[in-house]
């Protein structure tokens, strides 16, 4: 009996060992990246005129004046040295890595020479949120020649953990109507604070995503982590997020996964492989994971099943529905100019010339500028059909690398989910 139990235990352990890769991979994350929301964000850092050490908390922004009466002001204990600065403003910079019992989330920041001039603008951040500017080190600065700079804030409980914020000047002479609306908005909700004018404010972009690239002989992908609560810590469960995507592609926030309480429960798939997270450094400096052997994959289309329905735009800028192609076999080929080979081009041409009556061909360009593709199509006299794939179409096909072909039978039932133009041609020939 004991021998049977021992044998069963050994068998289970062997099975477990086969399920997971034997080698851990660690990727260093050094790039401060912008996801799609941050890249498009027009968040404004409002600036107010400094008139007194008694400062209204930012959390009261937009609250009715009667409700504000019960809230005491923040009182600056010690001002920084600001000799020679002609005008002073202030703002609030969100950084939860300096939270304390008195002030949560927002660090008071004094701005010397805030008015646009040929003088350097100085940013004095109350980095530890204690309203004493004498213990925060030297100020950050922005010369009149600079359009932006990156502000770096250190977590008060982990000196290696940092939160970065890119502050950019509001450009004169542009978006006048939009800036007028913003000025009216901030003046309306500023209460007793004196809003200085939108031209003296800054665009704020939180660089709270750290990423790096994993490369092997057979594959490559971007791996990143996002500090969701902006405290400089990147591995907080049920708060921070994890991302995997193509190298050089825009990070999409909708593809980010929440970090679970047990990090070893976080899995991801890429190019028909499955991985499991092992660890994320608190500072976001590195991620460790392992490949799973013989995985059961979720992110792939099922052979024998119908393709998902979608519409696309062809080279003539006309919308087409996939269901139009259901009456005979269809070859869908995703490509871009950087990876399209002469061999692929040759066999696409042959397929179109010899078998267009037996086989639908849809070649979907993914990621290139549509104008450039149209030039490419015209000058190279491409004979095979060309259309454009959106990001949403790429997600339907779990598209993670180019070039890649999908072959269907009649009624758009998938026959092969990774087949080249040459392989399709040989199939037709045979």
Protein backbone atom coordinates (compact mmCIF):
# COMPACT_ATOMS: atom_id res chain seq x y z
CA UNK A 1 0.00 0.00 0.00
CA UNK A 2 2.79 2.38 0.98
CA UNK A 3 4.63 1.53 -2.22
CA UNK A 4 1.53 2.30 -4.29
CA UNK A 5 1.11 5.68 -2.61
CA UNK A 6 4.79 6.44 -3.16
CA UNK A 7 4.56 5.53 -6.85
CA UNK A 8 1.43 7.66 -7.24
CA UNK A 9 3.14 10.62 -5.57
CA UNK A 10 6.19 10.29 -7.80
CA UNK A 11 3.96 10.11 -10.87
CA UNK A 12 2.12 13.28 -9.87
CA UNK A 13 5.39 15.10 -9.26
CA UNK A 14 6.70 13.99 -12.64
CA UNK A 15 3.52 15.19 -14.29
CA UNK A 16 3.80 18.54 -12.55
CA UNK A 17 7.41 18.92 -13.64
CA UNK A 18 6.44 18.23 -17.24
CA UNK A 19 3.73 20.84 -17.08
CA UNK A 20 6.07 23.70 -16.29
CA UNK A 21 9.25 24.86 -17.91
CA UNK A 22 12.48 24.13 -16.12
CA UNK A 23 14.07 27.51 -16.83
CA UNK A 24 13.06 30.83 -15.38
CA UNK A 25 13.34 33.93 -17.55
CA UNK A 26 13.93 37.38 -16.11
CA UNK A 27 13.30 40.49 -18.23
CA UNK A 28 14.66 43.85 -17.13
CA UNK A 29 12.11 46.68 -17.40
CA UNK A 30 13.86 49.98 -18.09
CA UNK A 31 11.54 51.85 -20.48
CA UNK A 32 8.99 54.34 -19.20
CA UNK A 33 6.14 53.74 -21.64
CA UNK A 34 2.94 55.53 -22.51
CA UNK A 35 -0.17 53.43 -22.91
CA UNK A 36 -2.92 54.46 -25.33
CA UNK A 37 -4.85 56.45 -22.72
CA UNK A 38 -1.83 58.37 -21.41
CA UNK A 39 -0.60 59.13 -24.94
CA UNK A 40 -3.96 60.69 -25.85
CA UNK A 41 -4.64 62.30 -22.48
CA UNK A 42 -4.96 66.07 -22.31
CA UNK A 43 -5.04 66.18 -18.51
CA UNK A 44 -4.24 69.68 -17.27
CA UNK A 45 -2.21 70.57 -14.21
CA UNK A 46 -3.91 73.81 -13.08
CA UNK A 47 -1.81 76.63 -11.63
CA UNK A 48 -3.05 79.16 -9.10
CA UNK A 49 -1.54 82.43 -7.91
CA UNK A 50 0.22 82.12 -4.55
CA UNK A 51 -1.09 84.74 -2.11
CA UNK A 52 -0.92 83.17 1.38
CA UNK A 53 0.57 80.20 3.31
CA UNK A 54 -3.01 79.05 3.86
CA UNK A 55 -3.77 76.75 0.92
CA UNK A 56 -7.09 75.15 0.07
CA UNK A 57 -6.77 71.33 -0.33
CA UNK A 58 -7.12 70.04 -3.87
CA UNK A 59 -9.73 67.54 -2.73
CA UNK A 60 -12.13 70.46 -2.35
CA UNK A 61 -11.94 71.35 -6.04
CA UNK A 62 -15.47 71.82 -7.41
CA UNK A 63 -17.16 71.47 -3.99
CA UNK A 64 -19.82 73.98 -2.96
CA UNK A 65 -18.40 76.96 -1.03
CA UNK A 66 -20.60 76.32 2.00
CA UNK A 67 -19.15 72.79 2.34
CA UNK A 68 -15.61 74.19 2.16
CA UNK A 69 -16.14 76.33 5.27
CA UNK A 70 -15.92 73.24 7.49
CA UNK A 71 -12.61 72.18 5.93
CA UNK A 72 -9.53 73.92 7.38
CA UNK A 73 -6.87 75.09 4.93
CA UNK A 74 -3.45 73.53 4.55
CA UNK A 75 -0.84 75.68 6.23
CA UNK A 76 2.68 75.88 4.82
CA UNK A 77 5.16 75.53 7.68
CA UNK A 78 8.29 76.62 5.81
CA UNK A 79 8.67 78.16 2.36
CA UNK A 80 11.58 77.27 0.09
CA UNK A 81 14.27 79.75 -0.86
CA UNK A 82 12.84 81.67 -3.82
CA UNK A 83 15.03 84.77 -4.01
CA UNK A 84 14.92 86.58 -7.33
CA UNK A 85 11.73 84.91 -8.53
CA UNK A 86 9.26 87.49 -9.75
CA UNK A 87 5.98 85.62 -9.43
CA UNK A 88 4.86 82.52 -7.62
CA UNK A 89 2.08 80.06 -8.37
CA UNK A 90 1.11 76.71 -6.96
CA UNK A 91 -0.48 73.45 -8.02
CA UNK A 92 -1.11 69.92 -6.75
CA UNK A 93 0.68 66.86 -8.11
CA UNK A 94 -0.90 63.48 -7.46
CA UNK A 95 1.51 61.04 -5.81
CA UNK A 96 0.20 58.46 -3.37
CA UNK A 97 3.72 57.37 -2.43
CA UNK A 98 3.87 60.33 -0.03
CA UNK A 99 0.54 59.79 1.73
CA UNK A 100 0.28 60.61 5.41
CA UNK A 101 -2.48 61.11 7.95
CA UNK A 102 -2.86 64.79 7.15
CA UNK A 103 -2.63 64.82 3.37
CA UNK A 104 -3.60 62.03 1.00
CA UNK A 105 -2.57 61.78 -2.61
CA UNK A 106 -1.73 65.34 -3.60
CA UNK A 107 1.67 66.98 -3.09
CA UNK A 108 1.58 70.76 -2.89
CA UNK A 109 3.95 72.28 -5.45
CA UNK A 110 5.12 75.91 -5.58
CA UNK A 111 6.10 77.28 -8.98
CA UNK A 112 8.57 80.16 -9.18
CA UNK A 113 8.50 82.43 -12.27
CA UNK A 114 5.29 80.72 -13.38
CA UNK A 115 4.47 83.37 -15.97
CA UNK A 116 5.81 82.70 -19.44
CA UNK A 117 9.03 84.65 -19.90
CA UNK A 118 12.68 84.08 -20.75
CA UNK A 119 13.31 83.06 -17.14
CA UNK A 120 13.68 79.51 -15.87
CA UNK A 121 10.58 78.13 -14.16
CA UNK A 122 11.24 76.34 -10.84
CA UNK A 123 9.08 73.58 -9.33
CA UNK A 124 9.32 73.14 -5.55
CA UNK A 125 7.51 69.88 -4.71
CA UNK A 126 6.60 69.03 -1.13
CA UNK A 127 7.85 65.50 -1.76
CA UNK A 128 7.04 64.12 1.70
CA UNK A 129 3.72 65.94 2.03
CA UNK A 130 4.60 67.61 5.35
CA UNK A 131 4.07 71.24 4.16
CA UNK A 132 7.70 72.02 4.93
CA UNK A 133 9.67 72.93 1.79
CA UNK A 134 13.02 73.10 3.57
CA UNK A 135 13.54 69.30 3.58
CA UNK A 136 12.68 68.41 -0.04
CA UNK A 137 15.99 68.99 -1.78
CA UNK A 138 16.61 71.28 -4.76
CA UNK A 139 13.75 72.22 -7.09
CA UNK A 140 13.15 70.87 -10.57
CA UNK A 141 13.47 73.41 -13.35
CA UNK A 142 12.25 74.15 -16.86
CA UNK A 143 14.25 76.58 -18.99
CA UNK A 144 12.53 78.80 -21.53
CA UNK A 145 14.09 76.63 -24.28
CA UNK A 146 12.41 73.44 -22.98
CA UNK A 147 8.90 72.32 -23.89
CA UNK A 148 8.69 69.64 -21.21
CA UNK A 149 10.52 67.81 -18.44
CA UNK A 150 10.05 64.66 -16.34
CA UNK A 151 9.40 65.06 -12.62
CA UNK A 152 10.64 62.13 -10.51
CA UNK A 153 9.09 61.40 -7.11
CA UNK A 154 10.41 58.82 -4.64
CA UNK A 155 8.18 56.56 -2.52
CA UNK A 156 8.62 57.48 1.13
CA UNK A 157 8.77 53.85 2.31
CA UNK A 158 10.92 52.45 -0.54
CA UNK A 159 13.70 54.74 -1.74
CA UNK A 160 14.23 52.65 -4.90
CA UNK A 161 10.62 53.08 -6.05
CA UNK A 162 9.84 56.08 -8.22
CA UNK A 163 6.85 57.69 -9.91
CA UNK A 164 7.54 59.76 -13.05
CA UNK A 165 5.37 62.53 -14.46
CA UNK A 166 5.92 64.34 -17.76
CA UNK A 167 4.92 68.01 -17.64
CA UNK A 168 4.60 69.84 -20.97
CA UNK A 169 4.02 73.54 -21.68
CA UNK A 170 0.68 74.64 -23.06
CA UNK A 171 1.46 75.99 -26.53
CA UNK A 172 0.56 79.59 -27.35
CA UNK A 173 -1.56 80.33 -30.42
CA UNK A 174 -3.04 76.81 -30.67
CA UNK A 175 -6.45 75.37 -29.75
CA UNK A 176 -7.71 78.77 -28.69
CA UNK A 177 -11.37 77.74 -28.32
CA UNK A 178 -10.43 74.66 -26.27
CA UNK A 179 -8.13 76.66 -24.00
CA UNK A 180 -10.86 79.25 -23.48
CA UNK A 181 -13.23 76.52 -22.30
CA UNK A 182 -10.59 75.14 -19.92
CA UNK A 183 -9.90 78.60 -18.49
CA UNK A 184 -13.61 79.16 -17.87
CA UNK A 185 -13.93 75.72 -16.26
CA UNK A 186 -11.08 76.19 -13.80
CA UNK A 187 -12.12 79.75 -12.91
CA UNK A 188 -15.66 78.56 -12.22
CA UNK A 189 -14.57 75.76 -9.85
CA UNK A 190 -11.55 77.35 -8.19
CA UNK A 191 -13.45 79.02 -5.36
CA UNK A 192 -11.28 81.64 -3.65
CA UNK A 193 -8.16 80.46 -5.48
CA UNK A 194 -6.96 82.72 -8.31
CA UNK A 195 -6.55 80.66 -11.48
CA UNK A 196 -3.68 82.18 -13.45
CA UNK A 197 -4.66 81.35 -17.06
CA UNK A 198 -4.48 78.14 -19.06
CA UNK A 199 -1.32 79.31 -20.89
CA UNK A 200 0.61 79.12 -17.62
CA UNK A 201 -0.58 75.59 -16.85
CA UNK A 202 0.88 72.25 -17.94
CA UNK A 203 -0.19 69.07 -19.64
CA UNK A 204 0.29 66.19 -17.22
CA UNK A 205 1.17 62.63 -18.34
CA UNK A 206 1.81 59.99 -15.70
CA UNK A 207 4.60 57.69 -16.91
CA UNK A 208 3.48 54.87 -14.65
CA UNK A 209 4.17 51.95 -17.01
CA UNK A 210 7.56 50.22 -17.05
CA UNK A 211 8.38 47.81 -19.86
CA UNK A 212 11.03 45.74 -21.55
CA UNK A 213 11.41 43.24 -24.41
CA UNK A 214 11.75 39.49 -24.19
CA UNK A 215 13.67 37.95 -27.10
CA UNK A 216 14.44 34.34 -27.90
CA UNK A 217 15.48 32.51 -31.04
CA UNK A 218 11.87 31.85 -31.92
CA UNK A 219 9.92 34.74 -30.44
CA UNK A 220 9.82 38.26 -29.01
CA UNK A 221 7.29 40.38 -27.14
CA UNK A 222 6.97 43.43 -24.91
CA UNK A 223 6.24 42.81 -21.25
CA UNK A 224 5.21 45.66 -18.93
CA UNK A 225 3.70 46.50 -15.55
CA UNK A 226 1.56 49.52 -14.65
CA UNK A 227 1.50 51.30 -11.28
CA UNK A 228 -2.22 51.98 -11.13
CA UNK A 229 -2.29 53.99 -7.90
CA UNK A 230 0.81 56.08 -8.73
CA UNK A 231 2.88 55.32 -5.66
CA UNK A 232 6.02 54.03 -7.42
CA UNK A 233 5.27 50.39 -6.46
CA UNK A 234 4.43 48.07 -9.37
CA UNK A 235 3.48 44.70 -7.84
CA UNK A 236 0.53 45.45 -5.58
CA UNK A 237 -2.08 42.72 -5.90
CA UNK A 238 -5.62 43.62 -6.98
CA UNK A 239 -4.33 47.08 -7.84
CA UNK A 240 -1.47 47.12 -10.35
CA UNK A 241 -1.65 45.58 -13.82
CA UNK A 242 0.41 43.43 -16.15
CA UNK A 243 0.72 43.61 -19.95
CA UNK A 244 2.11 41.56 -22.86
CA UNK A 245 2.09 42.80 -26.47
CA UNK A 246 3.98 43.13 -29.71
CA UNK A 247 7.39 44.79 -29.84
CA UNK A 248 7.09 48.44 -30.83
CA UNK A 249 3.29 48.45 -30.67
CA UNK A 250 1.14 50.90 -28.74
CA UNK A 251 0.23 49.55 -25.31
CA UNK A 252 -3.54 49.11 -25.00
CA UNK A 253 -4.91 49.44 -21.48
CA UNK A 254 -7.83 47.13 -22.26
CA UNK A 255 -5.30 44.30 -22.70
CA UNK A 256 -3.81 44.76 -19.24
CA UNK A 257 -4.48 42.08 -16.63
CA UNK A 258 -4.91 42.64 -12.91
CA UNK A 259 -2.13 41.25 -10.70
CA UNK A 260 -3.75 38.59 -8.52
CA UNK A 261 -3.10 38.11 -4.77
CA UNK A 262 -1.01 35.04 -5.63
CA UNK A 263 1.23 36.16 -8.48
CA UNK A 264 1.83 32.55 -9.57
CA UNK A 265 -1.83 32.48 -10.58
CA UNK A 266 -1.15 35.03 -13.35
CA UNK A 267 -0.75 33.37 -16.76
CA UNK A 268 -0.29 34.82 -20.22
CA UNK A 269 -0.11 33.47 -23.75
CA UNK A 270 1.91 34.58 -26.73
CA UNK A 271 2.37 33.02 -30.16
CA UNK A 272 0.89 29.66 -29.14
CA UNK A 273 2.90 29.47 -25.94
CA UNK A 274 1.72 29.78 -22.35
CA UNK A 275 3.68 31.36 -19.50
CA UNK A 276 3.28 31.82 -15.77
CA UNK A 277 4.49 34.79 -13.74
CA UNK A 278 6.91 34.02 -10.93
CA UNK A 279 7.66 37.47 -9.53
CA UNK A 280 7.55 41.23 -10.15
CA UNK A 281 10.08 43.45 -8.42
CA UNK A 282 8.27 46.08 -6.29
CA UNK A 283 10.12 48.88 -8.11
CA UNK A 284 9.06 47.49 -11.50
CA UNK A 285 12.69 46.89 -12.48
CA UNK A 286 12.21 43.28 -13.58
CA UNK A 287 9.72 40.49 -14.18
CA UNK A 288 10.40 36.76 -13.88
CA UNK A 289 8.28 34.09 -15.60
CA UNK A 290 8.47 30.51 -16.91
CA UNK A 291 7.12 28.71 -19.96
CA UNK A 292 4.60 25.90 -19.49
CA UNK A 293 5.21 22.73 -21.45
CA UNK A 294 2.34 21.07 -23.34
CA UNK A 295 -0.07 23.91 -22.54
CA UNK A 296 -3.80 24.07 -23.07
CA UNK A 297 -4.25 27.40 -24.88
CA UNK A 298 -7.16 29.82 -24.60
CA UNK A 299 -6.01 32.53 -27.02
CA UNK A 300 -6.43 30.81 -30.37
CA UNK A 301 -9.14 30.15 -32.93
CA UNK A 302 -10.52 26.62 -33.01
CA UNK A 303 -9.92 24.63 -36.20
CA UNK A 304 -13.23 23.43 -37.66
CA UNK A 305 -15.20 26.35 -36.21
CA UNK A 306 -16.43 29.37 -38.16
CA UNK A 307 -14.33 32.52 -38.06
CA UNK A 308 -15.69 35.45 -36.04
CA UNK A 309 -17.63 37.96 -38.12
CA UNK A 310 -15.98 41.29 -38.92
CA UNK A 311 -15.88 44.05 -41.51
CA UNK A 312 -12.83 45.62 -43.13
CA UNK A 313 -11.91 48.48 -45.49
CA UNK A 314 -10.47 47.58 -48.90
CA UNK A 315 -7.89 49.49 -50.96
CA UNK A 316 -10.70 51.52 -52.62
CA UNK A 317 -11.83 52.67 -49.14
CA UNK A 318 -14.99 50.54 -49.33
CA UNK A 319 -16.37 48.55 -46.42
CA UNK A 320 -16.66 44.78 -46.87
CA UNK A 321 -18.15 42.06 -44.66
CA UNK A 322 -16.36 38.75 -44.22
CA UNK A 323 -19.58 36.80 -44.74
CA UNK A 324 -19.41 37.87 -48.41
CA UNK A 325 -16.64 35.26 -48.84
CA UNK A 326 -18.40 32.20 -47.38
CA UNK A 327 -19.27 30.43 -50.65
CA UNK A 328 -15.78 29.06 -51.34
CA UNK A 329 -12.49 28.55 -49.44
CA UNK A 330 -10.80 31.75 -48.28
CA UNK A 331 -7.17 32.62 -47.56
CA UNK A 332 -6.79 35.52 -45.10
CA UNK A 333 -3.22 36.82 -44.93
CA UNK A 334 -2.08 39.45 -42.40
CA UNK A 335 1.02 41.38 -43.46
CA UNK A 336 3.00 44.59 -43.16
CA UNK A 337 5.62 46.20 -45.38
CA UNK A 338 8.50 45.49 -43.00
CA UNK A 339 8.00 41.70 -42.95
CA UNK A 340 6.45 40.99 -46.37
CA UNK A 341 8.95 38.82 -48.25
CA UNK A 342 9.54 38.47 -51.99
CA UNK A 343 8.47 34.84 -51.65
CA UNK A 344 5.15 35.83 -50.07
CA UNK A 345 4.56 38.40 -52.82
CA UNK A 346 5.33 35.90 -55.57
CA UNK A 347 2.98 33.22 -54.25
CA UNK A 348 0.19 35.70 -53.53
CA UNK A 349 0.43 36.80 -57.14
CA UNK A 350 0.36 33.18 -58.35
CA UNK A 351 -2.63 32.33 -56.16
CA UNK A 352 -4.54 35.30 -57.48
CA UNK A 353 -3.67 34.64 -61.14
CA UNK A 354 -4.23 30.89 -61.16
CA UNK A 355 -6.80 30.15 -58.48
CA UNK A 356 -8.94 33.28 -57.96
CA UNK A 357 -11.96 31.34 -59.28
CA UNK A 358 -11.47 28.61 -56.65
CA UNK A 359 -10.14 30.57 -53.70
CA UNK A 360 -10.97 33.93 -52.13
CA UNK A 361 -7.88 35.92 -51.15
CA UNK A 362 -8.00 38.65 -48.51
CA UNK A 363 -4.65 40.26 -47.69
CA UNK A 364 -5.02 42.51 -44.65
CA UNK A 365 -2.32 45.08 -43.98
CA UNK A 366 -1.81 45.47 -40.26
CA UNK A 367 -0.25 48.56 -38.74
CA UNK A 368 1.11 50.48 -41.75
CA UNK A 369 0.02 53.95 -42.85
CA UNK A 370 -2.88 53.45 -45.25
CA UNK A 371 -1.65 56.17 -47.60
CA UNK A 372 1.75 54.48 -47.92
CA UNK A 373 0.09 51.11 -48.54
CA UNK A 374 -1.99 52.61 -51.34
CA UNK A 375 1.20 54.01 -52.92
CA UNK A 376 2.85 50.60 -52.50
CA UNK A 377 -0.15 48.96 -54.15
CA UNK A 378 -0.16 51.42 -57.09
CA UNK A 379 3.54 51.69 -57.93
CA UNK A 380 4.35 48.02 -57.47
CA UNK A 381 1.25 47.07 -59.50
CA UNK A 382 0.06 44.59 -56.93
CA UNK A 383 -2.55 42.33 -58.48
CA UNK A 384 -3.77 40.50 -55.40
CA UNK A 385 -6.52 42.09 -53.26
CA UNK A 386 -5.36 44.44 -50.53
CA UNK A 387 -7.36 45.64 -47.52
CA UNK A 388 -6.73 46.96 -43.99
CA UNK A 389 -7.01 45.29 -40.61
CA UNK A 390 -7.84 47.28 -37.50
CA UNK A 391 -6.52 46.61 -34.02
CA UNK A 392 -9.90 45.05 -33.18
CA UNK A 393 -9.63 42.60 -36.09
CA UNK A 394 -6.12 41.65 -34.95
CA UNK A 395 -7.50 40.80 -31.51
CA UNK A 396 -10.22 38.61 -33.01
CA UNK A 397 -7.49 36.50 -34.63
CA UNK A 398 -5.15 36.63 -31.62
CA UNK A 399 -2.63 38.17 -34.01
CA UNK A 400 0.73 38.39 -32.26
CA UNK A 401 3.20 38.18 -35.12
CA UNK A 402 3.46 38.91 -38.84
CA UNK A 403 3.18 37.57 -41.42
CA UNK A 404 0.42 35.05 -40.70
CA UNK A 405 -2.17 33.30 -42.83
CA UNK A 406 -5.52 31.68 -42.05
CA UNK A 407 -7.16 29.22 -44.46
CA UNK A 408 -10.85 28.37 -44.35
CA UNK A 409 -13.10 25.86 -46.02
CA UNK A 410 -16.52 26.81 -47.33
CA UNK A 411 -18.75 28.71 -44.88
CA UNK A 412 -15.60 30.25 -43.35
CA UNK A 413 -14.80 27.20 -41.23
CA UNK A 414 -11.16 27.37 -40.15
CA UNK A 415 -8.86 24.74 -41.69
CA UNK A 416 -5.42 26.13 -40.76
CA UNK A 417 -4.48 29.03 -38.48
CA UNK A 418 -0.84 29.45 -39.48
CA UNK A 419 -0.20 28.86 -43.18
CA UNK A 420 1.98 30.77 -45.66
CA UNK A 421 1.10 31.82 -49.24
CA UNK A 422 3.59 29.21 -50.53
CA UNK A 423 1.95 26.44 -48.49
CA UNK A 424 -1.50 27.43 -49.76
CA UNK A 425 -0.20 27.42 -53.36
CA UNK A 426 1.31 23.94 -52.97
CA UNK A 427 -1.97 22.78 -51.45
CA UNK A 428 -3.89 24.10 -54.44
CA UNK A 429 -1.37 22.52 -56.82
CA UNK A 430 -1.59 19.16 -55.10
